Amino acid sequence: MNILRGSEQLNGGYSNMKNATFMLEQDHRIIEKALGAMTVALDKLKTGRTVDKDALESISGFMSSFADKCHHGKEEGYLFPILEKQGVPAQGCPLGILIAEHKKGRTLVAELSVSAQAFAGGDSSAKAGLIKSLQGILELYPGHIWKEDFLLFPMADKILNPEQQKELETGFEKVENQFGAEAHSCLEKLTASINP
């Protein structure tokens, strides 16, 4: 099952799809589900309750596979370059800021992965690293998603013509086919194991 099929189940389908930026907005709704699971995991860690160790590794796997390689891959590989061709500067606002946030997200997810693996291996001292990286991700992503949903995507919709939107959709499908199935599997696993 590719992530488009999973997204249809999670988000009511792409039947009302208007353009390529709508696909990216739908990705955000999936990422927000994972952020919800992270909030639950963080609360459990802070209050000393048991957290499924496999679920912690699933969170980092999902964020690496879907949020970064799939979603950010669409943006950095396709959307941002086409916007640059239309005259949007690569540095500064908005693209430079968003790329910097993508890099910060990668660092936080890498830290989460290391801490989750250590914690799963029985290293109780890794708990502090887990809490720190989860908090960092939960502080970063809501604002990042807001910037894209309410600033970047509306701007892109004004700048890009239907042919360019179609070109993006084709590129996005390539990324989905490469990373989608693994990401959907990770999301199902983490939401099932984290949520009560």
C-alpha atoms as a PDB file:
ATOM      1  CA  MET A   1       0.000   0.000   0.000  1.00  0.00           C
ATOM      2  CA  ASN A   2       1.516   3.344  -0.913  1.00  0.00           C
ATOM      3  CA  ILE A   3       1.094   6.452   1.210  1.00  0.00           C
ATOM      4  CA  LEU A   4      -1.535   7.854  -1.144  1.00  0.00           C
ATOM      5  CA  ARG A   5      -3.766   4.918  -0.304  1.00  0.00           C
ATOM      6  CA  GLY A   6      -2.957   5.377   3.375  1.00  0.00           C
ATOM      7  CA  SER A   7      -3.663   9.086   3.098  1.00  0.00           C
ATOM      8  CA  GLU A   8      -7.022   8.350   1.529  1.00  0.00           C
ATOM      9  CA  GLN A   9      -7.898   6.278   4.577  1.00  0.00           C
ATOM     10  CA  LEU A  10      -6.538   8.840   7.022  1.00  0.00           C
ATOM     11  CA  ASN A  11      -7.734  12.016   5.361  1.00  0.00           C
ATOM     12  CA  GLY A  12     -10.924  11.216   3.520  1.00  0.00           C
ATOM     13  CA  GLY A  13      -9.248  10.779   0.153  1.00  0.00           C
ATOM     14  CA  TYR A  14      -7.655  12.904  -2.507  1.00  0.00           C
ATOM     15  CA  SER A  15     -10.842  12.963  -4.570  1.00  0.00           C
ATOM     16  CA  ASN A  16     -11.191  16.683  -3.859  1.00  0.00           C
ATOM     17  CA  MET A  17      -7.562  17.367  -4.776  1.00  0.00           C
ATOM     18  CA  LYS A  18      -7.150  20.785  -6.299  1.00  0.00           C
ATOM     19  CA  ASN A  19      -3.415  20.934  -6.921  1.00  0.00           C
ATOM     20  CA  ALA A  20       0.022  19.822  -5.792  1.00  0.00           C
ATOM     21  CA  THR A  21       0.053  22.038  -2.717  1.00  0.00           C
ATOM     22  CA  PHE A  22      -3.092  20.279  -1.541  1.00  0.00           C
ATOM     23  CA  MET A  23      -1.080  17.049  -1.528  1.00  0.00           C
ATOM     24  CA  LEU A  24       1.475  18.704   0.749  1.00  0.00           C
ATOM     25  CA  GLU A  25      -1.281  19.937   3.051  1.00  0.00           C
ATOM     26  CA  GLN A  26      -2.576  16.373   3.284  1.00  0.00           C
ATOM     27  CA  ASP A  27       0.937  15.259   4.257  1.00  0.00           C
ATOM     28  CA  HIS A  28       0.761  17.783   7.082  1.00  0.00           C
ATOM     29  CA  ARG A  29      -2.450  16.227   8.386  1.00  0.00           C
ATOM     30  CA  ILE A  30      -0.631  12.862   8.532  1.00  0.00           C
ATOM     31  CA  ILE A  31       2.376  14.400  10.297  1.00  0.00           C
ATOM     32  CA  GLU A  32       0.007  16.017  12.816  1.00  0.00           C
ATOM     33  CA  LYS A  33      -1.323  12.553  13.708  1.00  0.00           C
ATOM     34  CA  ALA A  34       2.244  11.494  14.464  1.00  0.00           C
ATOM     35  CA  LEU A  35       2.779  14.669  16.513  1.00  0.00           C
ATOM     36  CA  GLY A  36      -0.272  13.681  18.547  1.00  0.00           C
ATOM     37  CA  ALA A  37       1.302  10.297  19.263  1.00  0.00           C
ATOM     38  CA  MET A  38       4.552  12.045  20.217  1.00  0.00           C
ATOM     39  CA  THR A  39       2.664  14.277  22.659  1.00  0.00           C
ATOM     40  CA  VAL A  40       1.257  11.173  24.360  1.00  0.00           C
ATOM     41  CA  ALA A  41       4.696   9.530  24.469  1.00  0.00           C
ATOM     42  CA  LEU A  42       6.289  12.666  25.893  1.00  0.00           C
ATOM     43  CA  ASP A  43       3.638  12.930  28.604  1.00  0.00           C
ATOM     44  CA  LYS A  44       4.183   9.285  29.539  1.00  0.00           C
ATOM     45  CA  LEU A  45       7.955   9.750  29.721  1.00  0.00           C
ATOM     46  CA  LYS A  46       7.630  12.888  31.871  1.00  0.00           C
ATOM     47  CA  THR A  47       5.190  11.253  34.299  1.00  0.00           C
ATOM     48  CA  GLY A  48       7.124   8.003  34.633  1.00  0.00           C
ATOM     49  CA  ARG A  49       4.603   5.829  32.833  1.00  0.00           C
ATOM     50  CA  THR A  50       5.619   3.012  30.525  1.00  0.00           C
ATOM     51  CA  VAL A  51       6.206   3.827  26.889  1.00  0.00           C
ATOM     52  CA  ASP A  52       6.439   1.079  24.293  1.00  0.00           C
ATOM     53  CA  LYS A  53      10.100   1.071  23.251  1.00  0.00           C
ATOM     54  CA  ASP A  54       9.289  -0.112  19.736  1.00  0.00           C
ATOM     55  CA  ALA A  55       6.868   2.788  19.389  1.00  0.00           C
ATOM     56  CA  LEU A  56       9.631   5.262  20.188  1.00  0.00           C
ATOM     57  CA  GLU A  57      11.725   3.789  17.401  1.00  0.00           C
ATOM     58  CA  SER A  58       8.675   3.896  15.120  1.00  0.00           C
ATOM     59  CA  ILE A  59       8.298   7.618  15.804  1.00  0.00           C
ATOM     60  CA  SER A  60      11.847   8.337  14.692  1.00  0.00           C
ATOM     61  CA  GLY A  61      11.399   6.001  11.710  1.00  0.00           C
ATOM     62  CA  PHE A  62       8.216   7.764  10.648  1.00  0.00           C
ATOM     63  CA  MET A  63       9.690  11.233  11.024  1.00  0.00           C
ATOM     64  CA  SER A  64      12.772  10.235   9.060  1.00  0.00           C
ATOM     65  CA  SER A  65      10.914   8.375   6.326  1.00  0.00           C
ATOM     66  CA  PHE A  66       7.703  10.325   5.853  1.00  0.00           C
ATOM     67  CA  ALA A  67       8.213  13.796   7.317  1.00  0.00           C
ATOM     68  CA  ASP A  68      11.734  14.183   5.974  1.00  0.00           C
ATOM     69  CA  LYS A  69      12.462  11.935   3.004  1.00  0.00           C
ATOM     70  CA  CYS A  70       8.930  11.910   1.611  1.00  0.00           C
ATOM     71  CA  HIS A  71       7.353  15.259   2.557  1.00  0.00           C
ATOM     72  CA  HIS A  72      10.462  17.425   2.724  1.00  0.00           C
ATOM     73  CA  GLY A  73      11.771  15.521  -0.287  1.00  0.00           C
ATOM     74  CA  LYS A  74       8.789  16.749  -2.311  1.00  0.00           C
ATOM     75  CA  GLU A  75       9.367  20.302  -1.186  1.00  0.00           C
ATOM     76  CA  GLU A  76      13.144  20.451  -1.555  1.00  0.00           C
ATOM     77  CA  GLY A  77      13.302  18.306  -4.676  1.00  0.00           C
ATOM     78  CA  TYR A  78      10.371  19.787  -6.570  1.00  0.00           C
ATOM     79  CA  LEU A  79       8.418  22.676  -5.022  1.00  0.00           C
ATOM     80  CA  PHE A  80      11.274  24.898  -3.869  1.00  0.00           C
ATOM     81  CA  PRO A  81      13.251  24.647  -7.146  1.00  0.00           C
ATOM     82  CA  ILE A  82      10.198  25.510  -9.254  1.00  0.00           C
ATOM     83  CA  LEU A  83       9.451  28.479  -6.991  1.00  0.00           C
ATOM     84  CA  GLU A  84      13.055  29.641  -7.383  1.00  0.00           C
ATOM     85  CA  LYS A  85      12.629  29.492 -11.165  1.00  0.00           C
ATOM     86  CA  GLN A  86       9.619  31.775 -10.721  1.00  0.00           C
ATOM     87  CA  GLY A  87      11.748  34.318  -8.865  1.00  0.00           C
ATOM     88  CA  VAL A  88      11.295  33.348  -5.202  1.00  0.00           C
ATOM     89  CA  PRO A  89      14.731  33.802  -3.549  1.00  0.00           C
ATOM     90  CA  ALA A  90      16.411  30.682  -2.187  1.00  0.00           C
ATOM     91  CA  GLN A  91      17.778  32.632   0.788  1.00  0.00           C
ATOM     92  CA  GLY A  92      15.741  34.417   3.436  1.00  0.00           C
ATOM     93  CA  CYS A  93      11.982  34.254   3.691  1.00  0.00           C
ATOM     94  CA  PRO A  94      10.254  31.943   3.019  1.00  0.00           C
ATOM     95  CA  LEU A  95      12.450  29.254   1.392  1.00  0.00           C
ATOM     96  CA  GLY A  96      15.653  29.807   3.349  1.00  0.00           C
ATOM     97  CA  ILE A  97      13.801  29.768   6.658  1.00  0.00           C
ATOM     98  CA  LEU A  98      11.868  26.618   5.773  1.00  0.00           C
ATOM     99  CA  ILE A  99      15.014  24.798   4.623  1.00  0.00           C
ATOM    100  CA  ALA A 100      16.744  25.765   7.887  1.00  0.00           C
ATOM    101  CA  GLU A 101      13.782  24.309   9.786  1.00  0.00           C
ATOM    102  CA  HIS A 102      13.979  21.108   7.723  1.00  0.00           C
ATOM    103  CA  LYS A 103      17.650  20.815   8.745  1.00  0.00           C
ATOM    104  CA  LYS A 104      16.794  21.441  12.397  1.00  0.00           C
ATOM    105  CA  GLY A 105      14.093  18.765  12.158  1.00  0.00           C
ATOM    106  CA  ARG A 106      16.609  16.279  10.730  1.00  0.00           C
ATOM    107  CA  THR A 107      18.971  16.950  13.633  1.00  0.00           C
ATOM    108  CA  LEU A 108      16.193  16.481  16.201  1.00  0.00           C
ATOM    109  CA  VAL A 109      14.999  13.256  14.557  1.00  0.00           C
ATOM    110  CA  ALA A 110      18.566  11.903  14.444  1.00  0.00           C
ATOM    111  CA  GLU A 111      18.917  12.680  18.164  1.00  0.00           C
ATOM    112  CA  LEU A 112      15.567  11.003  18.809  1.00  0.00           C
ATOM    113  CA  SER A 113      16.696   7.908  16.907  1.00  0.00           C
ATOM    114  CA  VAL A 114      19.902   7.583  18.950  1.00  0.00           C
ATOM    115  CA  SER A 115      18.042   8.078  22.245  1.00  0.00           C
ATOM    116  CA  ALA A 116      15.232   5.696  21.268  1.00  0.00           C
ATOM    117  CA  GLN A 117      17.688   2.950  20.331  1.00  0.00           C
ATOM    118  CA  ALA A 118      19.630   3.393  23.575  1.00  0.00           C
ATOM    119  CA  PHE A 119      16.412   3.432  25.623  1.00  0.00           C
ATOM    120  CA  ALA A 120      15.146   0.295  23.854  1.00  0.00           C
ATOM    121  CA  GLY A 121      18.479  -1.347  24.671  1.00  0.00           C
ATOM    122  CA  GLY A 122      17.923  -0.756  28.381  1.00  0.00           C
ATOM    123  CA  ASP A 123      19.845   2.493  28.895  1.00  0.00           C
ATOM    124  CA  SER A 124      17.588   4.398  31.300  1.00  0.00           C
ATOM    125  CA  SER A 125      19.838   7.475  31.062  1.00  0.00           C
ATOM    126  CA  ALA A 126      18.606   7.897  27.452  1.00  0.00           C
ATOM    127  CA  LYS A 127      15.244   9.068  28.795  1.00  0.00           C
ATOM    128  CA  ALA A 128      16.471  12.668  29.127  1.00  0.00           C
ATOM    129  CA  GLY A 129      17.556  12.671  25.471  1.00  0.00           C
ATOM    130  CA  LEU A 130      14.194  11.269  24.427  1.00  0.00           C
ATOM    131  CA  ILE A 131      12.345  14.002  26.291  1.00  0.00           C
ATOM    132  CA  LYS A 132      14.581  16.730  24.869  1.00  0.00           C
ATOM    133  CA  SER A 133      14.292  15.579  21.249  1.00  0.00           C
ATOM    134  CA  LEU A 134      10.530  14.988  21.454  1.00  0.00           C
ATOM    135  CA  GLN A 135      10.037  18.445  22.971  1.00  0.00           C
ATOM    136  CA  GLY A 136      12.175  19.955  20.214  1.00  0.00           C
ATOM    137  CA  ILE A 137      10.172  18.252  17.472  1.00  0.00           C
ATOM    138  CA  LEU A 138       6.879  19.278  19.087  1.00  0.00           C
ATOM    139  CA  GLU A 139       8.076  22.883  19.334  1.00  0.00           C
ATOM    140  CA  LEU A 140       9.322  22.990  15.740  1.00  0.00           C
ATOM    141  CA  TYR A 141       6.717  21.266  13.607  1.00  0.00           C
ATOM    142  CA  PRO A 142       3.418  23.035  14.425  1.00  0.00           C
ATOM    143  CA  GLY A 143       4.877  26.445  13.544  1.00  0.00           C
ATOM    144  CA  HIS A 144       6.638  25.041  10.497  1.00  0.00           C
ATOM    145  CA  ILE A 145       3.414  23.481   9.236  1.00  0.00           C
ATOM    146  CA  TRP A 146       1.565  26.761   9.822  1.00  0.00           C
ATOM    147  CA  LYS A 147       4.116  28.708   7.754  1.00  0.00           C
ATOM    148  CA  GLU A 148       3.722  26.317   4.869  1.00  0.00           C
ATOM    149  CA  ASP A 149      -0.079  25.929   5.006  1.00  0.00           C
ATOM    150  CA  PHE A 150      -0.864  29.625   5.390  1.00  0.00           C
ATOM    151  CA  LEU A 151       2.085  31.399   3.767  1.00  0.00           C
ATOM    152  CA  LEU A 152       4.071  29.211   1.370  1.00  0.00           C
ATOM    153  CA  PHE A 153       1.316  27.169  -0.251  1.00  0.00           C
ATOM    154  CA  PRO A 154      -1.048  30.101  -0.932  1.00  0.00           C
ATOM    155  CA  MET A 155       1.894  31.985  -2.451  1.00  0.00           C
ATOM    156  CA  ALA A 156       2.776  28.953  -4.601  1.00  0.00           C
ATOM    157  CA  ASP A 157      -0.825  28.660  -5.781  1.00  0.00           C
ATOM    158  CA  LYS A 158      -0.704  32.278  -6.973  1.00  0.00           C
ATOM    159  CA  ILE A 159       2.664  31.909  -8.709  1.00  0.00           C
ATOM    160  CA  LEU A 160       2.379  28.501 -10.373  1.00  0.00           C
ATOM    161  CA  ASN A 161       0.300  27.810 -13.454  1.00  0.00           C
ATOM    162  CA  PRO A 162      -1.683  24.557 -13.996  1.00  0.00           C
ATOM    163  CA  GLU A 163       1.138  22.985 -16.028  1.00  0.00           C
ATOM    164  CA  GLN A 164       3.627  23.632 -13.235  1.00  0.00           C
ATOM    165  CA  GLN A 165       1.199  22.222 -10.667  1.00  0.00           C
ATOM    166  CA  LYS A 166       0.867  19.096 -12.804  1.00  0.00           C
ATOM    167  CA  GLU A 167       4.652  18.836 -13.056  1.00  0.00           C
ATOM    168  CA  LEU A 168       4.811  18.962  -9.262  1.00  0.00           C
ATOM    169  CA  GLU A 169       2.141  16.283  -8.888  1.00  0.00           C
ATOM    170  CA  THR A 170       4.162  13.977 -11.158  1.00  0.00           C
ATOM    171  CA  GLY A 171       7.300  14.604  -9.113  1.00  0.00           C
ATOM    172  CA  PHE A 172       5.444  14.087  -5.854  1.00  0.00           C
ATOM    173  CA  GLU A 173       4.133  10.722  -7.084  1.00  0.00           C
ATOM    174  CA  LYS A 174       7.731   9.597  -7.677  1.00  0.00           C
ATOM    175  CA  VAL A 175       8.650  10.486  -4.106  1.00  0.00           C
ATOM    176  CA  GLU A 176       5.509   8.779  -2.765  1.00  0.00           C
ATOM    177  CA  ASN A 177       6.325   5.585  -4.631  1.00  0.00           C
ATOM    178  CA  GLN A 178       9.813   5.567  -3.152  1.00  0.00           C
ATOM    179  CA  PHE A 179       8.972   6.234   0.518  1.00  0.00           C
ATOM    180  CA  GLY A 180       5.218   6.005   0.982  1.00  0.00           C
ATOM    181  CA  ALA A 181       4.549   2.392   1.933  1.00  0.00           C
ATOM    182  CA  GLU A 182       7.234   2.306   4.622  1.00  0.00           C
ATOM    183  CA  ALA A 183       6.034   5.588   6.086  1.00  0.00           C
ATOM    184  CA  HIS A 184       2.399   4.494   6.292  1.00  0.00           C
ATOM    185  CA  SER A 185       3.432   1.274   8.016  1.00  0.00           C
ATOM    186  CA  CYS A 186       5.445   3.260  10.590  1.00  0.00           C
ATOM    187  CA  LEU A 187       2.521   5.596  11.254  1.00  0.00           C
ATOM    188  CA  GLU A 188       0.087   2.733  11.832  1.00  0.00           C
ATOM    189  CA  LYS A 189       2.530   1.020  14.175  1.00  0.00           C
ATOM    190  CA  LEU A 190       3.286   4.075  16.264  1.00  0.00           C
ATOM    191  CA  THR A 191      -0.297   5.276  16.640  1.00  0.00           C
ATOM    192  CA  ALA A 192      -1.432   1.784  17.642  1.00  0.00           C
ATOM    193  CA  SER A 193       1.294   1.355  20.242  1.00  0.00           C
ATOM    194  CA  ILE A 194       1.452   4.892  21.706  1.00  0.00           C
ATOM    195  CA  ASN A 195      -2.205   5.761  22.028  1.00  0.00           C
ATOM    196  CA  PRO A 196      -4.105   4.105  24.877  1.00  0.00           C
END
